Protein backbone atom coordinates (compact mmCIF):
# COMPACT_ATOMS: atom_id res chain seq x y z
CA MET A 1 -23.89 -37.14 25.82
CA GLN A 2 -24.90 -35.04 28.82
CA HIS A 3 -23.60 -31.49 29.13
CA THR A 4 -23.38 -29.71 32.46
CA ALA A 5 -22.27 -26.09 32.29
CA ALA A 6 -19.90 -25.37 35.16
CA GLY A 7 -19.37 -22.24 37.16
CA ARG A 8 -22.45 -20.29 36.11
CA SER A 9 -22.81 -16.98 37.88
CA ALA A 10 -24.57 -13.67 37.37
CA GLY A 11 -21.14 -12.10 36.89
CA ASN A 12 -20.74 -14.05 33.65
CA ARG A 13 -23.92 -12.72 32.07
CA PHE A 14 -23.21 -11.10 28.71
CA GLN A 15 -23.68 -7.34 28.49
CA ALA A 16 -22.70 -5.30 25.45
CA LEU A 17 -20.78 -2.09 26.16
CA GLY A 18 -20.88 0.56 23.46
CA PRO A 19 -20.02 4.26 23.03
CA ASN A 20 -22.47 5.26 25.76
CA ARG A 21 -20.35 3.33 28.27
CA LEU A 22 -16.98 4.84 27.32
CA ASP A 23 -16.81 6.99 30.44
CA ASP A 24 -17.43 3.95 32.63
CA ILE A 25 -14.76 1.97 30.78
CA ALA A 26 -12.29 4.85 31.04
CA ALA A 27 -12.90 5.26 34.77
CA LYS A 28 -12.57 1.56 35.53
CA TYR A 29 -9.52 0.81 33.38
CA GLY A 30 -7.70 4.15 33.36
CA LEU A 31 -8.14 5.02 29.71
CA ASP A 32 -6.36 8.27 28.84
CA PRO A 33 -8.93 11.10 28.37
CA GLN A 34 -7.55 12.11 24.98
CA LEU A 35 -7.64 8.54 23.71
CA ARG A 36 -11.13 8.12 25.14
CA GLU A 37 -12.37 11.14 23.17
CA SER A 38 -10.76 9.82 19.99
CA VAL A 39 -12.60 6.52 20.46
CA ARG A 40 -15.83 8.45 21.04
CA LEU A 41 -15.35 10.47 17.83
CA PHE A 42 -14.42 7.57 15.56
CA SER A 43 -17.19 5.37 16.93
CA LEU A 44 -19.63 7.75 15.24
CA VAL A 45 -18.51 6.13 11.98
CA LEU A 46 -17.03 2.75 12.93
CA PRO A 47 -18.97 0.19 14.97
CA PHE A 48 -17.81 -0.05 18.60
CA ARG A 49 -18.85 -2.77 21.03
CA VAL A 50 -16.95 -4.66 23.72
CA ASN A 51 -17.86 -6.61 26.84
CA GLU A 52 -16.44 -7.12 30.32
CA TYR A 53 -14.62 -10.33 29.36
CA VAL A 54 -12.69 -8.59 26.57
CA LEU A 55 -11.90 -5.66 28.84
CA SER A 56 -10.82 -7.62 31.91
CA GLU A 57 -9.25 -10.76 30.43
CA LEU A 58 -7.70 -9.82 27.09
CA ILE A 59 -6.43 -6.22 27.15
CA ASP A 60 -3.24 -5.06 28.88
CA TRP A 61 -4.36 -1.73 30.35
CA SER A 62 -0.84 -0.74 31.42
CA GLN A 63 -0.24 0.42 27.83
CA PRO A 64 -3.47 0.12 25.84
CA ASP A 65 -2.27 2.10 22.84
CA ALA A 66 0.42 -0.58 22.31
CA ASP A 67 -1.84 -3.53 23.08
CA PRO A 68 -2.95 -5.67 20.11
CA ILE A 69 -6.35 -6.51 21.55
CA PHE A 70 -7.05 -2.83 22.25
CA HIS A 71 -6.32 -2.09 18.58
CA LEU A 72 -8.50 -5.04 17.62
CA PHE A 73 -11.64 -3.72 19.34
CA PHE A 74 -11.33 0.08 19.90
CA PRO A 75 -11.70 2.66 17.07
CA GLN A 76 -8.82 5.10 17.45
CA PRO A 77 -6.58 7.74 15.83
CA GLY A 78 -5.43 6.87 12.34
CA MET A 79 -8.45 4.79 11.38
CA LEU A 80 -9.94 7.74 9.50
CA SER A 81 -8.07 10.00 7.11
CA PRO A 82 -7.13 13.47 8.44
CA ALA A 83 -9.65 15.00 6.03
CA ASP A 84 -12.49 12.73 7.21
CA GLU A 85 -11.55 13.30 10.83
CA ALA A 86 -11.73 17.08 10.33
CA LEU A 87 -15.11 16.79 8.57
CA LEU A 88 -16.46 14.58 11.33
CA THR A 89 -15.20 16.83 14.11
CA GLY A 90 -16.66 19.92 12.46
CA ALA A 91 -20.05 18.29 11.89
CA ARG A 92 -20.21 16.96 15.44
CA ASP A 93 -19.22 20.28 17.01
CA GLY A 94 -21.54 22.24 14.71
CA GLY A 95 -24.60 20.89 16.46
CA ASP A 96 -26.60 20.19 13.26
CA ALA A 97 -27.78 16.57 13.56
CA GLY A 98 -28.75 16.38 9.91
CA GLU A 99 -25.34 17.56 8.75
CA LEU A 100 -23.60 15.11 11.09
CA ALA A 101 -25.69 12.23 9.68
CA ARG A 102 -24.79 13.28 6.12
CA VAL A 103 -21.08 13.44 6.95
CA ILE A 104 -21.15 10.03 8.64
CA ALA A 105 -22.96 8.48 5.67
CA GLY A 106 -20.50 10.06 3.24
CA ILE A 107 -17.46 8.78 5.12
CA ARG A 108 -18.94 5.29 5.32
CA ALA A 109 -19.76 5.29 1.61
CA GLY A 110 -16.12 6.12 0.88
CA MET A 111 -14.92 3.14 2.92
CA ASN A 112 -16.10 0.54 0.39
CA PRO A 113 -18.73 -1.10 2.63
CA HIS A 114 -19.19 -4.15 0.37
CA PRO A 115 -15.80 -5.06 -1.14
CA GLU A 116 -15.30 -7.42 -4.06
CA HIS A 117 -18.78 -6.95 -5.53
CA GLN A 118 -20.61 -8.86 -2.79
CA GLN A 119 -23.93 -7.18 -3.48
CA ASP A 120 -24.00 -7.44 -7.27
CA LEU A 121 -22.15 -10.70 -8.01
CA ASN A 122 -22.69 -12.97 -5.01
CA VAL A 123 -26.45 -12.76 -4.35
CA PRO A 124 -28.32 -15.77 -5.81
CA SER A 125 -31.89 -15.72 -7.13
CA ASP A 126 -34.89 -18.03 -7.22
CA PRO A 127 -38.20 -17.63 -9.10
CA GLU A 128 -39.26 -14.98 -6.56
CA GLY A 129 -36.09 -12.90 -7.04
CA PRO A 130 -32.93 -12.46 -4.95
CA VAL A 131 -32.78 -14.93 -2.05
CA PRO A 132 -32.65 -12.72 1.06
CA GLY A 133 -29.71 -13.01 3.41
CA THR A 134 -27.59 -15.25 1.21
CA GLN A 135 -24.49 -15.19 -0.97
CA HIS A 136 -23.38 -17.90 -3.40
CA LYS A 137 -19.88 -17.27 -4.69
CA TYR A 138 -18.38 -20.75 -4.87
CA GLU A 139 -20.17 -23.75 -6.32
CA GLN A 140 -20.10 -25.85 -3.15
CA THR A 141 -20.84 -23.18 -0.50
CA LEU A 142 -23.85 -21.01 0.30
CA LEU A 143 -23.46 -18.19 2.84
CA TYR A 144 -26.47 -17.63 5.07
CA PHE A 145 -26.96 -14.49 7.21
CA PRO A 146 -29.67 -15.05 9.86
CA SER A 147 -31.20 -11.67 10.69
CA ALA A 148 -31.00 -12.26 14.45
CA GLY A 149 -27.27 -12.95 14.17
CA GLN A 150 -26.16 -9.70 12.58
CA THR A 151 -24.27 -8.38 15.58
CA CYS A 152 -21.31 -9.66 17.64
CA HIS A 153 -20.17 -10.00 21.24
CA ALA A 154 -17.48 -7.44 20.34
CA TYR A 155 -16.76 -5.61 17.08
CA CYS A 156 -13.36 -6.04 15.44
CA THR A 157 -12.24 -2.72 14.01
CA TYR A 158 -10.88 -4.38 10.86
CA CYS A 159 -14.09 -6.35 10.16
CA PHE A 160 -14.87 -6.56 6.45
CA ARG A 161 -18.55 -6.93 7.33
CA TRP A 162 -18.68 -3.72 9.38
CA ALA A 163 -21.60 -2.51 7.24
CA GLN A 164 -23.81 -5.13 8.94
CA PHE A 165 -23.52 -3.20 12.21
CA VAL A 166 -24.09 0.47 11.40
CA GLY A 167 -27.87 0.56 11.27
CA GLU A 168 -28.26 1.14 7.53
CA PRO A 169 -30.64 -1.56 6.20
CA GLU A 170 -29.59 -1.14 2.57
CA LEU A 171 -26.06 -2.22 3.50
CA ARG A 172 -27.09 -5.40 5.33
CA PHE A 173 -27.52 -9.03 4.37
CA ALA A 174 -30.21 -10.59 6.59
CA ALA A 175 -32.56 -13.57 6.30
CA PRO A 176 -35.60 -13.44 8.62
CA GLU A 177 -36.03 -17.20 8.28
CA PRO A 178 -34.43 -20.00 6.21
CA SER A 179 -37.20 -21.31 3.95
CA ARG A 180 -36.04 -19.56 0.75
CA ALA A 181 -32.44 -20.61 1.37
CA VAL A 182 -33.52 -24.22 2.03
CA GLU A 183 -35.50 -24.35 -1.22
CA TYR A 184 -32.54 -22.85 -3.07
CA LEU A 185 -30.38 -25.70 -1.75
CA ARG A 186 -32.91 -28.29 -2.91
CA ARG A 187 -32.70 -26.85 -6.43
CA HIS A 188 -28.88 -26.75 -6.26
CA PRO A 189 -27.60 -30.11 -4.99
CA GLU A 190 -24.07 -29.11 -5.99
CA VAL A 191 -24.05 -26.96 -2.83
CA THR A 192 -22.74 -29.22 -0.07
CA ASP A 193 -21.86 -26.61 2.59
CA VAL A 194 -23.84 -23.86 4.29
CA LEU A 195 -21.77 -21.22 6.06
CA VAL A 196 -23.88 -19.46 8.70
CA THR A 197 -22.30 -16.06 9.18
CA GLY A 198 -22.90 -12.46 10.20
CA GLY A 199 -22.21 -10.64 12.31
CA ASP A 200 -21.93 -13.66 14.55
CA PRO A 201 -24.61 -16.37 14.64
CA MET A 202 -23.55 -17.28 18.16
CA VAL A 203 -25.08 -14.10 19.60
CA MET A 204 -28.41 -15.85 19.07
CA THR A 205 -30.00 -17.95 21.77
CA ALA A 206 -29.92 -21.70 21.28
CA GLU A 207 -33.61 -21.68 20.38
CA ARG A 208 -33.23 -18.98 17.73
CA LEU A 209 -30.16 -20.71 16.33
CA ARG A 210 -32.14 -23.94 16.16
CA ARG A 211 -34.97 -22.27 14.21
CA HIS A 212 -32.47 -21.15 11.59
CA LEU A 213 -30.36 -24.32 11.38
CA GLU A 214 -32.78 -27.22 11.82
CA PRO A 215 -34.53 -26.79 8.44
CA PHE A 216 -31.21 -27.19 6.64
CA LEU A 217 -30.71 -30.65 8.13
CA ALA A 218 -33.51 -32.07 5.96
CA VAL A 219 -31.61 -31.20 2.75
CA GLU A 220 -30.10 -34.48 1.65
CA SER A 221 -27.31 -32.99 -0.49
CA LEU A 222 -26.05 -30.82 2.38
CA GLN A 223 -22.95 -32.29 4.03
CA THR A 224 -21.52 -29.55 6.26
CA VAL A 225 -22.99 -26.80 8.42
CA ARG A 226 -20.30 -24.21 9.13
CA ILE A 227 -20.71 -21.47 11.72
CA GLY A 228 -18.43 -18.43 11.47
CA THR A 229 -17.87 -16.98 14.94
CA LYS A 230 -15.58 -14.84 17.07
CA SER A 231 -17.29 -15.99 20.27
CA VAL A 232 -14.55 -18.42 21.35
CA ALA A 233 -12.27 -15.39 21.66
CA SER A 234 -14.67 -12.63 22.73
CA TRP A 235 -17.30 -14.52 24.78
CA PRO A 236 -16.32 -18.18 25.46
CA HIS A 237 -19.00 -18.28 28.19
CA ARG A 238 -21.38 -18.94 25.30
CA TYR A 239 -20.32 -22.60 25.48
CA VAL A 240 -19.58 -22.92 29.19
CA THR A 241 -21.64 -20.77 31.56
CA ASP A 242 -24.39 -19.08 29.51
CA HIS A 243 -27.88 -20.21 30.52
CA ASP A 244 -28.33 -22.10 27.25
CA ALA A 245 -24.75 -23.27 26.71
CA ASP A 246 -25.81 -26.90 27.08
CA ALA A 247 -28.73 -26.48 24.68
CA THR A 248 -26.37 -24.94 22.12
CA LEU A 249 -23.98 -27.85 22.36
CA ARG A 250 -26.86 -30.28 22.07
CA LEU A 251 -27.83 -28.58 18.80
CA PHE A 252 -24.31 -29.19 17.49
CA GLU A 253 -24.71 -32.86 18.41
CA GLU A 254 -28.02 -33.03 16.54
CA ILE A 255 -26.35 -31.65 13.43
CA ALA A 256 -23.83 -34.50 13.62
CA GLU A 257 -26.56 -37.06 14.35
CA ALA A 258 -28.37 -35.90 11.20
CA GLY A 259 -25.35 -36.99 9.18
CA LYS A 260 -23.96 -33.50 8.64
CA THR A 261 -20.60 -32.22 9.84
CA PRO A 262 -20.83 -29.28 12.25
CA ALA A 263 -17.80 -27.03 11.65
CA VAL A 264 -17.03 -24.02 13.84
CA MET A 265 -14.94 -21.46 11.95
CA ALA A 266 -13.32 -19.74 14.92
CA HIS A 267 -11.97 -16.25 14.27
CA LEU A 268 -8.82 -16.22 16.39
CA SER A 269 -6.61 -13.20 15.78
CA HIS A 270 -3.94 -13.40 18.49
CA PRO A 271 -2.58 -16.05 20.89
CA VAL A 272 -3.75 -13.95 23.86
CA GLU A 273 -7.30 -14.98 22.96
CA LEU A 274 -6.55 -18.61 23.84
CA GLU A 275 -4.71 -17.91 27.10
CA PRO A 276 -7.79 -17.80 29.40
CA ALA A 277 -8.72 -21.28 30.57
CA ILE A 278 -12.38 -20.69 29.72
CA ALA A 279 -11.53 -20.24 26.03
CA ARG A 280 -9.81 -23.63 25.95
CA THR A 281 -12.71 -25.15 27.88
CA ALA A 282 -15.10 -23.73 25.30
CA LEU A 283 -13.13 -25.38 22.50
CA ALA A 284 -13.07 -28.71 24.33
CA ARG A 285 -16.84 -28.63 24.90
CA ILE A 286 -17.49 -27.74 21.25
CA ARG A 287 -15.29 -30.61 20.07
CA ASP A 288 -17.01 -33.05 22.44
CA THR A 289 -20.19 -32.61 20.36
CA GLY A 290 -18.50 -34.01 17.25
CA ALA A 291 -17.91 -30.57 15.76
CA VAL A 292 -14.67 -29.74 13.98
CA VAL A 293 -13.06 -26.39 14.83
CA TYR A 294 -11.00 -24.38 12.33
CA GLY A 295 -8.97 -21.28 13.23
CA GLN A 296 -8.70 -18.32 10.85
CA ALA A 297 -7.99 -14.58 10.86
CA PRO A 298 -6.49 -11.85 8.68
CA VAL A 299 -3.01 -10.49 9.23
CA ILE A 300 -3.51 -7.01 10.68
CA ALA A 301 -0.96 -4.25 11.34
CA ARG A 302 -0.69 -3.38 15.04
CA VAL A 303 -2.53 -6.58 15.99
CA ASN A 304 -0.73 -9.65 14.65
CA ASP A 305 1.86 -8.54 12.10
CA ASP A 306 4.41 -10.62 13.96
CA ALA A 307 5.63 -14.10 12.95
CA ALA A 308 6.15 -15.21 16.54
CA ALA A 309 2.54 -14.30 17.40
CA TRP A 310 1.21 -16.34 14.49
CA ALA A 311 3.39 -19.32 15.40
CA ARG A 312 2.15 -19.15 19.01
CA LEU A 313 -1.45 -18.87 17.81
CA TRP A 314 -1.27 -21.84 15.45
CA ARG A 315 0.47 -23.99 18.06
CA ALA A 316 -2.14 -23.01 20.65
CA GLU A 317 -4.94 -23.88 18.21
CA GLN A 318 -3.39 -27.25 17.45
CA ARG A 319 -2.91 -28.05 21.16
CA ALA A 320 -6.56 -27.16 21.80
CA GLY A 321 -7.72 -29.47 19.01
CA ALA A 322 -8.55 -26.76 16.46
CA VAL A 323 -7.25 -26.97 12.89
CA PRO A 324 -5.11 -23.97 11.83
CA TYR A 325 -6.84 -23.01 8.59
CA TYR A 326 -6.27 -19.55 7.08
CA MET A 327 -4.13 -16.46 7.40
CA PHE A 328 -6.14 -13.95 5.36
CA VAL A 329 -5.16 -10.58 3.89
CA ALA A 330 -7.31 -7.70 5.16
CA ARG A 331 -9.92 -6.71 2.59
CA ASP A 332 -10.13 -3.29 0.97
CA THR A 333 -12.81 -1.89 3.27
CA GLY A 334 -13.24 0.09 6.48
CA PRO A 335 -10.05 1.57 7.99
CA ARG A 336 -7.93 -0.41 5.54
CA ASP A 337 -4.94 1.96 5.44
CA TYR A 338 -4.57 1.63 9.20
CA PHE A 339 -4.49 -2.16 9.18
CA LYS A 340 -3.08 -3.22 5.82
CA VAL A 341 0.10 -5.27 5.62
CA PRO A 342 1.94 -5.38 2.26
CA LEU A 343 1.71 -8.75 0.52
CA ALA A 344 5.48 -9.21 0.57
CA ARG A 345 5.53 -8.66 4.32
CA ALA A 346 2.53 -10.96 4.84
CA ALA A 347 4.23 -13.72 2.83
CA GLU A 348 7.38 -13.30 4.91
CA LEU A 349 5.40 -13.47 8.16
CA PHE A 350 3.60 -16.59 7.01
CA ARG A 351 6.79 -18.34 5.92
CA ASP A 352 8.66 -17.50 9.12
CA ALA A 353 5.79 -18.69 11.33
CA TYR A 354 4.99 -21.77 9.25
CA SER A 355 8.60 -22.94 9.27
CA THR A 356 8.52 -23.34 13.07
CA LEU A 357 5.36 -25.48 13.18
CA PRO A 358 5.12 -29.22 13.75
CA GLY A 359 3.71 -31.17 10.84
CA LEU A 360 0.20 -31.50 12.30
CA ALA A 361 -0.15 -27.71 12.47
CA ARG A 362 0.90 -27.20 8.84
CA THR A 363 -2.70 -27.33 7.73
CA VAL A 364 -2.79 -23.54 7.58
CA ARG A 365 -2.82 -21.67 4.25
CA GLY A 366 -1.82 -18.11 3.59
CA PRO A 367 -1.57 -15.29 3.06
CA VAL A 368 -4.88 -15.48 1.19
CA MET A 369 -6.83 -12.71 -0.54
CA SER A 370 -10.57 -13.34 -0.88
CA THR A 371 -11.01 -11.48 -4.17
CA THR A 372 -13.87 -11.09 -6.63
CA GLY A 373 -12.66 -14.08 -8.63
CA GLY A 374 -11.85 -16.27 -5.65
CA LYS A 375 -9.31 -16.96 -2.93
CA ILE A 376 -5.76 -16.20 -4.12
CA VAL A 377 -2.83 -17.41 -2.04
CA VAL A 378 0.57 -15.69 -2.19
CA ASP A 379 2.93 -18.65 -2.26
CA GLY A 380 5.98 -16.43 -2.04
CA VAL A 381 8.41 -14.25 -3.97
CA ALA A 382 10.62 -15.67 -6.72
CA GLU A 383 13.77 -13.91 -7.91
CA GLU A 384 15.18 -14.52 -11.41
CA PRO A 385 18.94 -14.60 -12.16
CA ASP A 386 18.65 -11.11 -13.69
CA GLY A 387 17.32 -9.74 -10.39
CA ARG A 388 13.66 -9.41 -11.37
CA LYS A 389 11.23 -10.49 -8.67
CA PHE A 390 7.72 -11.89 -8.94
CA PHE A 391 4.88 -12.92 -6.67
CA GLU A 392 3.97 -16.59 -7.11
CA LEU A 393 0.16 -16.83 -6.90
CA ARG A 394 -2.61 -19.40 -7.33
CA TYR A 395 -6.33 -19.77 -6.70
CA LEU A 396 -7.23 -21.93 -3.70
CA GLN A 397 -10.92 -21.43 -4.49
CA ALA A 398 -12.57 -19.76 -7.48
CA ARG A 399 -15.90 -18.91 -9.05
CA ASP A 400 -14.64 -20.94 -12.00
CA PRO A 401 -13.39 -24.24 -10.50
CA ARG A 402 -11.13 -24.77 -13.53
CA LEU A 403 -8.84 -22.04 -12.20
CA VAL A 404 -8.16 -23.71 -8.86
CA GLY A 405 -4.53 -24.67 -8.30
CA ARG A 406 -3.15 -23.11 -11.47
CA PRO A 407 -0.06 -20.99 -10.71
CA PHE A 408 0.40 -17.49 -12.12
CA ARG A 409 2.71 -14.56 -11.52
CA ALA A 410 2.58 -10.85 -10.80
CA VAL A 411 5.38 -8.31 -10.87
CA TYR A 412 6.84 -7.81 -7.41
CA SER A 413 5.89 -4.66 -5.53
CA ALA A 414 7.07 -3.97 -2.00
CA ASP A 415 4.01 -1.80 -1.29
CA ALA A 416 1.23 -3.84 -2.91
CA ALA A 417 -1.39 -4.91 -0.36
CA TRP A 418 -4.15 -6.31 -2.60
CA ILE A 419 -4.54 -7.95 -5.99
CA ASP A 420 -5.59 -4.61 -7.53
CA ASP A 421 -2.13 -3.25 -6.69
CA LEU A 422 -0.40 -5.89 -8.80
CA GLU A 423 0.52 -6.16 -12.48
CA LEU A 424 0.21 -9.64 -13.95
CA VAL A 425 3.15 -10.77 -16.05
CA PRO A 426 2.83 -10.82 -19.85
CA GLY A 427 1.63 -14.18 -21.08
CA THR A 428 -0.75 -14.84 -18.19
CA PRO A 429 -3.49 -17.10 -19.63
CA ALA A 430 -6.60 -15.20 -20.63
CA ASP A 431 -8.95 -17.01 -18.28
CA LEU A 432 -6.74 -16.31 -15.29
CA ARG A 433 -6.26 -12.69 -16.31
CA SER A 434 -10.01 -12.26 -16.76
CA ALA A 435 -10.75 -13.71 -13.30
CA VAL A 436 -8.18 -11.49 -11.62
CA MET A 437 -9.46 -8.41 -13.42
CA ALA A 438 -13.07 -9.11 -12.42
CA GLY A 439 -12.76 -6.57 -9.61
CA ASP A 440 -12.62 -2.80 -9.91
CA GLY A 441 -10.28 -2.55 -12.86
CA GLY A 442 -6.93 -3.12 -11.17
CA ALA A 443 -4.57 -5.91 -12.06
CA GLY A 444 -7.42 -7.35 -11.92
CA THR A 445 -11.74 -9.35 1.53
CA ASP A 446 -14.58 -15.17 5.89
CA GLY A 447 -12.83 -14.05 4.41
CA GLU A 448 -15.68 -16.28 5.28
CA ASP A 449 -16.73 -17.25 1.78
């Protein structure tokens, strides 16, 4: 089919705005000086990047400190502990650049930059050693991190891959080109899906994206090429008015013509992100190529810890032709204490939102923890006649496929926010207990894997 991008203009050209543009942002949108300085301080540790579309179309500037999209993209008070904030302030004001760098590195190291053993358990090897820029956690799926796609149109403050963006090479996954990953797939025909992730692969030009994706299409055993992206929400112009929007969509068509399924894993966190007409146009143009679009996001305090918001989001996705797919639980990384939602609350939010959906939107699963052993869904809370309460859990996906679908229980805790906070009930089968405890020693965070 022929694609014609409509409405192109110089005003829709992407430009990243980072900490060095905070004064401009504050002047244009009326950001309170005290809040501006907090953003400036915390952005020394946490990645900060926005763009004019996010600022002008998604944020309610009449009360930014109460706006979910502002919390989604701007580092702010509460995201660091009081002790870390004091250390950071002292190091910044002390004027010693070396000391400031050491403090920043120390705070980042304490924020669990690679949760759930991504660096030591998920990286596959070939005869030459570790395959660069890849992870292989589940039998059917290989994650691929193209080096040119390890940034985003805007940085989510909760992002569990924040370590990709802070300029420390030892923390990054990045593949300069796909040949090693392609050969790995040829040796492992059980892998049917490649998930191209980041960062955000859609920050790449169509030509760069093609150079990374085209070699995969020659792998006969490969069935699906997934692309994890926030661009539908934070820069929908990528598919509508960017100079190579048409070329990008043509690449999606070529994936389908090669007999593979192109799947766009759209990170949609709040219904506001689908309100602009251009976002819905972007989804329509993606779907016209033969691609399937899936919507997913974690439940995040101050952003979407509201059942009505989730119901609106899933209905909006379904109306736009996207498949509601996952409500995740925020992983134990970055400013986790600021964003975490207890599992009991997350299960309640999911149930209340799910119960209002039409049948075609009940494709969504959640709340789901992407743990070391696999994806664990909290099916709900069961109460026994004697008053004891338990979480009902099961693996939706697992390193060991034999665990998938088997129910198990953990003792109820109103405050638990991750699997490590839970105590499995006595009598839990040994293989399930071993998988759950494969993490950091607790009872035992995309998730793109």
